[in-house]
Structure formats: C-alpha cells, structure tokens
Amino acid sequence: MQSEKPPIMWLPVTVFLFTTIVTVIGVPWYGYAVGYSGAMWLAAILVLGANGMSITAGYHRLWAHNSYRAHWSLRLLFALFGAAATQNSILVWASGHRRHHRHVDDNERDPYSAKRGFFFSHIGWMLRAYPSGKVDFSNVKDLQRDPIVVWQHKHYVVLAIAMNFIPALALGWLLGDIVAGALLIGFLRLVVSHHTTFFINSLAHIWGRRPYTEANTARDNDVLAFFTYGEGYHNYHHLFQGDYRNGVKWWQYDPTKWLIFVASKLGLASKLKRTPAAKINQAMIETQLKRAEETFKSKPLSLRFSDQIALESMRFQQQLQHWKELRLSWVEAQKELMEQRGEELRSMAETELLVISEKLAALEFEIKQQRKRMIRFVNRLAAC
C-alpha cells in the first residue's frame, strides 16, 4: 500500500503559482502593448543582482557556512535584500542548508535530496510538508546570537513584502512607469531569482563534472556558475564548504567571491577562509587515483598499468605526508613568531618561517604537477 503524501503547503504553492502566472503572461503582454525602457531593464538587473548576491554572499557563504566575517552594515544589507529573494528567513534557510550538507543525498534527512528526482530537489520539497524539511534550529545556535539574523527572522514577513514592493514601485515611479516597475523589478526579478537558486539544489547535482569528489552528486558547472553568481562550482563547494570561494581558480566566474574579497579590502569583511592549495590538489589526485583503479578493474589491462597506479599512489602519499609535516611546522613557526618579543629572536623566527614557507610552496607545486600527471595517466588508461 502506497504511503499517504504529506499535506500541501498552500502559502508557497500560491506564491509560486501567482508570481509565475503574472511573469509568464503579464510581462510579455505589457512589453508588447506598452514596452519597457532600457533603464527599466537595467534597474531590474541591478535589483536581481542585489537580492541574488545577498543569498550567495549572505545567506549562503556568510551565515550558512561562516566562511568569513562581515561588518554589521553589510549584514544588514544582505538581510534586507535576502528577504526580497523570498526564500525564507536567514535562520530557516541556513538551518536547512546545513542539514543538506550534513546529510547530502540522504532521502530521509536531506531537505532537498537530488536522489529524489529533479522536480523534488528543484521546487517540490517546498510544496508539501515533508518530514525531511521540518524546521529545526538546533544546528544554528551560533546564528541565534546575531542580532540582525534574529531581527530579520522576527520581522521576515513584513520585510519580504516591503522589499519586494517598495524597490519595484519606487524605481518604476522614478523611471516613469509604475506598472513596468512592478512587472520587471517585482515579478520577473523574483521568479528568475527563485529558479537560479533552485537550480543549485537540482541541476547542480545532475549536470556537470566531479573533479574533487565522487562521494556525492554535487557537480561543477561553468554555465550554472554564470547564472548563479558563482554557485555553480558545486562539487568543490560540497567538499570544501568553509571556503569563501566556490570558483577556486582565478579564471572561474565567481562574482560572489570577488564581492567578498573587495569587501575585505574596504574593511567590511574579515577572516576570509581559504582551503590550502595542497588540500585541493590532494582531493583531485585521490579522485583521479580512484578512477584509475576503477578503470583498471573494468578492463583487462596489462600489469604495467597496475604497477603505475601503485607507483603514483605511493608517490602521492609520500608527498602528502611531507606536506602535513611541513604544514604543522609552519603553524608552530607562526605561533613562535607571535610570541617573540626581542628583536634578535623575532628576526630568527621570521627567517625560520620564511624557510618553511618556501619549502611548502615548492612542495605544493610538486603536488600540483603530480595532479597533472595523474590526469594524463587516467586519460591514457581510459583510452586503452
């Protein structure tokens, strides 16, 4: 006998249906009948960016993952425009997201598990009162000490309504067309904002590559990163969730990390967390080794490939152990430098720290080269 479906959540169902109908029918109809100015489109894009980045830089990387610290003024801005995104309060959003990371792909405990299908992970999980989505603040006690988070949660409904209507109507009035402002800056902006975020829960667990880990369904996808302010590098994020960056390579499109970095230079953000390069390369090498071993098992290849896998694995393990030892020495040298008061002793500590830093940099370069060798080897193995 099929189990009974959870009850429908009529508030989100109504919001999603109403905003979608107005956007799909009203926006093109008004555009055809009256038209929209370039300034109105620009205003809609700017407000969309403000509430999108408030979710990515604020709700996600700041509050859900504590990947950096932010000045109260920046937190207030994120809280206001995050409310405009209408994805619930910071407290509810961060609590659910932390559960998602802890129980990723677990159909019983992950609020939006991708293994329950695209529709469920994209929007279906919000339409019914599923047990996996039950609100539980036991994992956000740190956020309950943030007065801005508490204030936004207490007044969320009022803030969400105000931040959806006031900017849209005010900008529409300033630009000479209140109806156009309501349609573009209000409805269209909200629907686009919703689905760009929802695609990270759904499409980013289905479409893309997994260079860092295959332990979960999260993927890296450059196309999604473009539309989601850098959140599309999801395979990296699920392994290194404390990093303020998602696009870890300099060329990867991640405007959220650039915003946080610029904010730190302006004194509005601090204590930015970065994953050491060697750890990133370690994850990539381990993933390549695993693929090589799986490929070897599935194909009748010569023993030389088995020997090569063993050799590359041993070389990597030696490098990794050496890196861990050097990293520990570097931390100890930093502590010693901070504790030294005399000029001569401080100079000696600085010299020691510099030597260890140079050794670390050289070793991390070796590990990076090892990663490139592993990629070439796995590609050659797969081609056999």
Protein backbone atom coordinates (compact mmCIF):
# COMPACT_ATOMS: atom_id res chain seq x y z
CA MET A 1 0.00 0.00 0.00
CA GLN A 2 1.40 3.42 -1.05
CA SER A 3 2.11 5.78 1.83
CA GLU A 4 0.00 8.94 2.04
CA LYS A 5 1.61 12.08 0.67
CA PRO A 6 2.38 14.89 3.12
CA PRO A 7 -0.08 17.79 3.19
CA ILE A 8 0.27 20.59 0.65
CA MET A 9 1.93 23.82 1.82
CA TRP A 10 -0.55 26.28 0.37
CA LEU A 11 1.39 29.51 1.02
CA PRO A 12 4.45 28.64 -1.11
CA VAL A 13 2.22 26.95 -3.71
CA THR A 14 0.17 30.14 -4.02
CA VAL A 15 3.25 32.39 -4.17
CA PHE A 16 4.96 30.28 -6.83
CA LEU A 17 1.79 29.94 -8.94
CA PHE A 18 0.80 33.61 -8.74
CA THR A 19 4.26 35.04 -9.46
CA THR A 20 4.83 32.58 -12.32
CA ILE A 21 1.46 33.29 -13.98
CA VAL A 22 1.97 37.07 -13.79
CA THR A 23 5.52 36.71 -15.15
CA VAL A 24 4.66 34.33 -18.00
CA ILE A 25 1.51 36.20 -19.09
CA GLY A 26 1.71 39.74 -17.76
CA VAL A 27 5.36 40.60 -18.51
CA PRO A 28 5.30 39.76 -22.26
CA TRP A 29 1.79 41.18 -22.72
CA TYR A 30 2.74 44.55 -21.23
CA GLY A 31 6.01 44.53 -23.17
CA TYR A 32 4.08 44.03 -26.42
CA ALA A 33 1.31 46.52 -25.59
CA VAL A 34 3.38 49.30 -23.98
CA GLY A 35 7.08 48.32 -23.90
CA TYR A 36 9.89 48.61 -21.36
CA SER A 37 12.66 51.19 -21.36
CA GLY A 38 16.34 50.23 -21.24
CA ALA A 39 16.59 51.97 -17.87
CA MET A 40 13.81 49.76 -16.50
CA TRP A 41 15.60 46.61 -17.66
CA LEU A 42 18.84 47.86 -16.09
CA ALA A 43 17.06 48.58 -12.79
CA ALA A 44 15.57 45.07 -12.80
CA ILE A 45 19.01 43.52 -13.40
CA LEU A 46 20.57 45.57 -10.59
CA VAL A 47 17.88 44.63 -8.07
CA LEU A 48 18.10 40.99 -9.21
CA GLY A 49 21.85 41.09 -8.59
CA ALA A 50 21.38 42.68 -5.18
CA ASN A 51 18.99 40.01 -3.90
CA GLY A 52 20.88 37.20 -5.68
CA MET A 53 24.21 38.18 -4.11
CA SER A 54 22.51 38.64 -0.75
CA ILE A 55 21.61 34.96 -0.95
CA THR A 56 25.02 33.76 -2.18
CA ALA A 57 27.32 36.06 -0.17
CA GLY A 58 24.98 36.49 2.79
CA TYR A 59 22.58 33.63 3.42
CA HIS A 60 24.95 31.02 1.98
CA ARG A 61 28.64 31.79 2.45
CA LEU A 62 28.39 34.14 5.43
CA TRP A 63 25.62 32.68 7.58
CA ALA A 64 25.19 29.05 6.50
CA HIS A 65 28.94 28.33 6.29
CA ASN A 66 30.67 31.06 8.34
CA SER A 67 33.32 31.34 5.60
CA TYR A 68 34.09 34.95 6.59
CA ARG A 69 33.04 37.71 8.99
CA ALA A 70 31.07 40.76 7.83
CA HIS A 71 30.54 44.27 9.20
CA TRP A 72 27.05 44.95 10.60
CA SER A 73 26.23 47.31 7.72
CA LEU A 74 26.94 44.59 5.13
CA ARG A 75 24.99 42.03 7.16
CA LEU A 76 22.02 44.41 7.32
CA LEU A 77 22.14 44.90 3.54
CA PHE A 78 22.22 41.14 2.99
CA ALA A 79 19.35 40.64 5.44
CA LEU A 80 17.15 43.20 3.64
CA PHE A 81 17.80 42.14 0.05
CA GLY A 82 17.87 38.49 1.11
CA ALA A 83 14.30 38.98 2.32
CA ALA A 84 13.49 40.35 -1.15
CA ALA A 85 14.51 36.99 -2.62
CA THR A 86 11.59 35.44 -0.66
CA GLN A 87 13.38 32.20 0.26
CA ASN A 88 12.52 32.35 3.96
CA SER A 89 14.48 33.94 6.80
CA ILE A 90 18.23 33.58 7.25
CA LEU A 91 17.66 31.29 10.22
CA VAL A 92 15.35 28.88 8.38
CA TRP A 93 17.42 28.95 5.16
CA ALA A 94 20.77 28.35 6.89
CA SER A 95 19.38 25.58 9.10
CA GLY A 96 18.02 23.67 6.10
CA HIS A 97 21.20 24.20 4.11
CA ARG A 98 23.40 22.91 6.91
CA ARG A 99 21.25 19.78 7.08
CA HIS A 100 21.60 19.40 3.31
CA HIS A 101 25.40 19.42 3.61
CA ARG A 102 25.47 17.08 6.56
CA HIS A 103 23.07 14.55 5.02
CA VAL A 104 23.57 15.19 1.30
CA ASP A 105 21.73 12.66 -0.92
CA ASP A 106 20.05 11.05 2.09
CA ASN A 107 16.39 10.87 1.10
CA GLU A 108 15.23 10.79 4.71
CA ARG A 109 17.28 13.68 6.11
CA ASP A 110 18.46 15.87 3.20
CA PRO A 111 15.69 18.52 2.79
CA TYR A 112 16.18 18.68 -0.99
CA SER A 113 17.92 15.43 -1.87
CA ALA A 114 18.73 15.23 -5.60
CA LYS A 115 18.25 11.46 -5.43
CA ARG A 116 14.51 12.05 -5.09
CA GLY A 117 14.42 13.50 -8.59
CA PHE A 118 14.84 16.83 -10.37
CA PHE A 119 11.38 18.23 -9.55
CA PHE A 120 11.64 17.38 -5.85
CA SER A 121 15.09 18.93 -5.38
CA HIS A 122 14.21 21.97 -7.51
CA ILE A 123 10.87 23.02 -6.02
CA GLY A 124 8.81 20.01 -4.93
CA TRP A 125 10.36 19.86 -1.46
CA MET A 126 8.78 23.24 -0.66
CA LEU A 127 5.28 22.35 -1.86
CA ARG A 128 4.48 19.68 0.73
CA ALA A 129 5.26 19.30 4.45
CA TYR A 130 7.89 16.58 4.01
CA PRO A 131 9.46 15.31 7.27
CA SER A 132 12.94 15.95 5.84
CA GLY A 133 12.09 19.65 5.56
CA LYS A 134 10.91 20.11 9.14
CA VAL A 135 12.40 23.28 10.65
CA ASP A 136 14.91 22.59 13.43
CA PHE A 137 17.09 25.37 14.82
CA SER A 138 19.37 23.10 16.84
CA ASN A 139 22.13 23.48 14.23
CA VAL A 140 22.04 27.30 14.04
CA LYS A 141 22.57 28.32 17.67
CA ASP A 142 25.51 30.47 16.56
CA LEU A 143 23.22 32.46 14.26
CA GLN A 144 20.71 32.99 17.06
CA ARG A 145 23.38 35.16 18.69
CA ASP A 146 23.46 37.51 15.68
CA PRO A 147 21.00 40.38 16.39
CA ILE A 148 20.47 41.10 12.69
CA VAL A 149 19.59 37.47 11.99
CA VAL A 150 17.16 37.40 14.93
CA TRP A 151 15.60 40.73 13.88
CA GLN A 152 15.13 39.57 10.28
CA HIS A 153 13.60 36.27 11.38
CA LYS A 154 11.16 38.03 13.73
CA HIS A 155 10.00 40.51 11.07
CA TYR A 156 10.55 38.35 7.99
CA VAL A 157 7.02 38.52 6.50
CA VAL A 158 6.86 42.33 6.73
CA LEU A 159 10.40 42.67 5.36
CA ALA A 160 9.75 40.27 2.48
CA ILE A 161 6.61 42.13 1.41
CA ALA A 162 8.23 45.56 1.80
CA MET A 163 11.45 44.61 -0.03
CA ASN A 164 9.52 43.10 -2.91
CA PHE A 165 7.13 46.04 -3.41
CA ILE A 166 8.98 49.20 -2.32
CA PRO A 167 12.06 48.98 -4.64
CA ALA A 168 9.91 47.86 -7.60
CA LEU A 169 7.27 50.58 -7.22
CA ALA A 170 9.74 53.31 -6.25
CA LEU A 171 12.03 52.64 -9.21
CA GLY A 172 9.02 52.29 -11.50
CA TRP A 173 7.78 55.72 -10.35
CA LEU A 174 11.23 57.31 -10.79
CA LEU A 175 11.52 55.84 -14.30
CA GLY A 176 8.03 56.92 -15.29
CA ASP A 177 6.13 53.62 -15.37
CA ILE A 178 4.96 52.04 -12.11
CA VAL A 179 3.30 49.07 -13.85
CA ALA A 180 6.51 48.25 -15.75
CA GLY A 181 8.45 48.51 -12.49
CA ALA A 182 6.06 46.13 -10.74
CA LEU A 183 6.27 43.61 -13.59
CA LEU A 184 10.02 43.67 -14.30
CA ILE A 185 11.58 44.65 -10.97
CA GLY A 186 8.87 42.91 -8.96
CA PHE A 187 7.56 39.74 -10.58
CA LEU A 188 10.10 38.82 -13.27
CA ARG A 189 13.04 39.56 -10.96
CA LEU A 190 11.56 37.39 -8.21
CA VAL A 191 10.82 34.39 -10.45
CA VAL A 192 14.31 34.50 -12.02
CA SER A 193 15.86 34.86 -8.56
CA HIS A 194 13.92 31.85 -7.29
CA HIS A 195 14.90 29.49 -10.07
CA THR A 196 18.57 30.46 -10.25
CA THR A 197 18.86 29.48 -6.59
CA PHE A 198 16.73 26.36 -7.04
CA PHE A 199 18.95 25.17 -9.92
CA ILE A 200 21.81 24.76 -7.43
CA ASN A 201 19.73 22.27 -5.46
CA SER A 202 18.61 20.40 -8.58
CA LEU A 203 20.63 20.85 -11.79
CA ALA A 204 23.97 21.31 -9.98
CA HIS A 205 23.50 17.78 -8.61
CA ILE A 206 22.78 16.31 -12.06
CA TRP A 207 24.73 18.15 -14.76
CA GLY A 208 28.48 18.73 -14.67
CA ARG A 209 31.82 17.25 -13.65
CA ARG A 210 33.18 15.93 -10.36
CA PRO A 211 36.90 16.73 -10.18
CA TYR A 212 37.18 16.89 -6.37
CA THR A 213 34.99 14.10 -5.03
CA GLU A 214 32.59 11.43 -6.22
CA ALA A 215 31.21 10.82 -2.73
CA ASN A 216 28.06 12.82 -3.52
CA THR A 217 26.03 14.00 -6.51
CA ALA A 218 27.23 17.64 -6.49
CA ARG A 219 28.77 18.85 -9.75
CA ASP A 220 30.86 21.74 -11.07
CA ASN A 221 29.21 23.52 -13.98
CA ASP A 222 30.50 26.72 -15.63
CA VAL A 223 27.14 27.53 -17.25
CA LEU A 224 25.31 27.34 -13.92
CA ALA A 225 28.07 29.40 -12.27
CA PHE A 226 27.40 32.21 -14.74
CA PHE A 227 23.70 32.39 -13.87
CA THR A 228 24.09 31.82 -10.11
CA TYR A 229 26.82 34.32 -9.19
CA GLY A 230 29.49 31.62 -8.91
CA GLU A 231 27.49 28.98 -7.04
CA GLY A 232 27.75 26.52 -9.94
CA TYR A 233 31.11 25.14 -8.75
CA HIS A 234 29.15 22.85 -6.51
CA ASN A 235 31.41 19.79 -6.42
CA TYR A 236 34.18 21.93 -4.95
CA HIS A 237 31.79 23.58 -2.53
CA HIS A 238 30.43 20.34 -1.11
CA LEU A 239 33.94 19.14 -0.26
CA PHE A 240 35.30 22.49 0.95
CA GLN A 241 32.16 24.20 2.23
CA GLY A 242 34.06 26.51 4.61
CA ASP A 243 35.92 28.24 1.75
CA TYR A 244 34.59 31.71 0.89
CA ARG A 245 35.28 30.87 -2.76
CA ASN A 246 33.36 28.43 -4.92
CA GLY A 247 35.25 29.11 -8.13
CA VAL A 248 38.67 28.42 -6.67
CA LYS A 249 40.68 29.02 -9.86
CA TRP A 250 41.42 32.65 -10.74
CA TRP A 251 39.66 32.41 -14.10
CA GLN A 252 36.45 30.82 -12.82
CA TYR A 253 33.40 33.12 -12.83
CA ASP A 254 32.52 33.69 -9.19
CA PRO A 255 31.36 37.30 -8.60
CA THR A 256 30.37 36.37 -5.05
CA LYS A 257 33.99 35.66 -4.08
CA TRP A 258 35.05 38.93 -5.77
CA LEU A 259 32.42 40.84 -3.80
CA ILE A 260 33.63 39.30 -0.52
CA PHE A 261 37.28 39.97 -1.43
CA VAL A 262 36.59 43.62 -2.30
CA ALA A 263 34.55 43.99 0.90
CA SER A 264 37.57 42.74 2.87
CA LYS A 265 39.75 45.40 1.26
CA LEU A 266 37.21 48.05 2.24
CA GLY A 267 37.15 46.86 5.85
CA LEU A 268 33.63 45.41 5.55
CA ALA A 269 34.70 41.74 5.69
CA SER A 270 37.43 39.85 7.52
CA LYS A 271 38.75 36.39 8.38
CA LEU A 272 38.18 35.03 4.89
CA LYS A 273 38.64 31.24 4.94
CA ARG A 274 40.63 29.61 2.12
CA THR A 275 41.36 25.93 1.61
CA PRO A 276 45.13 25.30 1.25
CA ALA A 277 46.15 24.58 -2.37
CA ALA A 278 47.72 21.26 -1.40
CA LYS A 279 44.43 20.03 0.09
CA ILE A 280 42.62 20.91 -3.13
CA ASN A 281 45.23 19.07 -5.19
CA GLN A 282 45.05 16.16 -2.75
CA ALA A 283 41.31 15.81 -3.38
CA MET A 284 41.79 15.92 -7.14
CA ILE A 285 44.60 13.35 -7.06
CA GLU A 286 42.62 10.98 -4.85
CA THR A 287 39.67 11.26 -7.24
CA GLN A 288 41.95 10.51 -10.21
CA LEU A 289 43.50 7.53 -8.40
CA LYS A 290 40.06 6.16 -7.64
CA ARG A 291 39.04 6.50 -11.29
CA ALA A 292 42.25 4.81 -12.41
CA GLU A 293 41.66 1.88 -10.07
CA GLU A 294 38.04 1.54 -11.24
CA THR A 295 39.09 1.69 -14.89
CA PHE A 296 41.76 -0.94 -14.28
CA LYS A 297 39.22 -3.25 -12.65
CA SER A 298 36.78 -2.89 -15.54
CA LYS A 299 39.33 -3.55 -18.33
CA PRO A 300 41.73 -6.46 -18.97
CA LEU A 301 44.83 -4.24 -18.95
CA SER A 302 48.47 -5.19 -18.60
CA LEU A 303 50.19 -5.35 -15.23
CA ARG A 304 52.27 -2.28 -16.09
CA PHE A 305 49.17 -0.13 -15.55
CA SER A 306 48.64 -1.73 -12.14
CA ASP A 307 52.28 -1.02 -11.26
CA GLN A 308 51.89 2.56 -12.49
CA ILE A 309 48.80 3.10 -10.32
CA ALA A 310 50.64 1.74 -7.29
CA LEU A 311 53.70 3.92 -8.03
CA GLU A 312 51.67 7.11 -8.50
CA SER A 313 49.68 6.37 -5.35
CA MET A 314 52.82 5.78 -3.28
CA ARG A 315 54.46 8.94 -4.63
CA PHE A 316 51.39 10.98 -3.78
CA GLN A 317 51.09 9.54 -0.25
CA GLN A 318 54.73 10.42 0.43
CA GLN A 319 54.19 13.98 -0.82
CA LEU A 320 51.04 14.31 1.24
CA GLN A 321 52.72 13.12 4.44
CA HIS A 322 55.61 15.52 3.86
CA TRP A 323 53.13 18.37 3.27
CA LYS A 324 51.26 17.62 6.52
CA GLU A 325 54.54 17.67 8.47
CA LEU A 326 55.63 20.94 6.85
CA ARG A 327 52.24 22.50 7.41
CA LEU A 328 52.43 21.63 11.12
CA SER A 329 55.93 23.14 11.30
CA TRP A 330 54.64 26.28 9.58
CA VAL A 331 51.82 26.67 12.13
CA GLU A 332 54.29 26.20 15.01
CA ALA A 333 56.70 28.72 13.47
CA GLN A 334 53.87 31.26 13.17
CA LYS A 335 53.00 30.80 16.86
CA GLU A 336 56.64 31.18 17.84
CA LEU A 337 56.94 34.38 15.80
CA MET A 338 53.91 35.89 17.52
CA GLU A 339 55.30 35.03 20.95
CA GLN A 340 58.77 36.52 20.39
CA ARG A 341 59.42 39.99 21.83
CA GLY A 342 63.17 40.51 21.42
CA GLU A 343 64.32 41.90 18.05
CA GLU A 344 67.02 39.24 17.52
CA LEU A 345 64.74 36.33 18.47
CA ARG A 346 61.96 37.74 16.31
CA SER A 347 64.33 38.01 13.34
CA MET A 348 65.34 34.35 13.78
CA ALA A 349 61.69 33.27 13.96
CA GLU A 350 60.89 35.24 10.80
CA THR A 351 63.78 33.57 8.98
CA GLU A 352 62.62 30.11 10.07
CA LEU A 353 59.05 30.87 8.96
CA LEU A 354 60.31 32.09 5.57
CA VAL A 355 62.34 28.91 5.01
CA ILE A 356 59.37 26.69 5.88
CA SER A 357 57.07 28.79 3.67
CA GLU A 358 59.42 28.37 0.70
CA LYS A 359 59.55 24.60 1.26
CA LEU A 360 55.76 24.47 1.49
CA ALA A 361 55.38 26.43 -1.75
CA ALA A 362 57.82 24.11 -3.55
CA LEU A 363 56.07 21.00 -2.26
CA GLU A 364 52.64 22.34 -3.18
CA PHE A 365 53.96 22.92 -6.71
CA GLU A 366 55.15 19.29 -6.80
CA ILE A 367 51.71 18.10 -5.68
CA LYS A 368 50.12 20.22 -8.42
CA GLN A 369 52.42 18.62 -11.01
CA GLN A 370 51.53 15.20 -9.58
CA ARG A 371 47.86 16.03 -10.13
CA LYS A 372 48.54 16.87 -13.78
CA ARG A 373 50.44 13.58 -14.23
CA MET A 374 47.53 11.68 -12.74
CA ILE A 375 45.05 13.32 -15.10
CA ARG A 376 47.21 12.43 -18.11
CA PHE A 377 47.66 8.88 -16.84
CA VAL A 378 43.94 8.33 -16.25
CA ASN A 379 43.11 9.72 -19.68
CA ARG A 380 45.66 7.37 -21.28
CA LEU A 381 44.27 4.47 -19.28
CA ALA A 382 40.69 5.25 -20.30
CA ALA A 383 41.71 5.39 -23.97
CA CYS A 384 43.09 1.82 -23.92
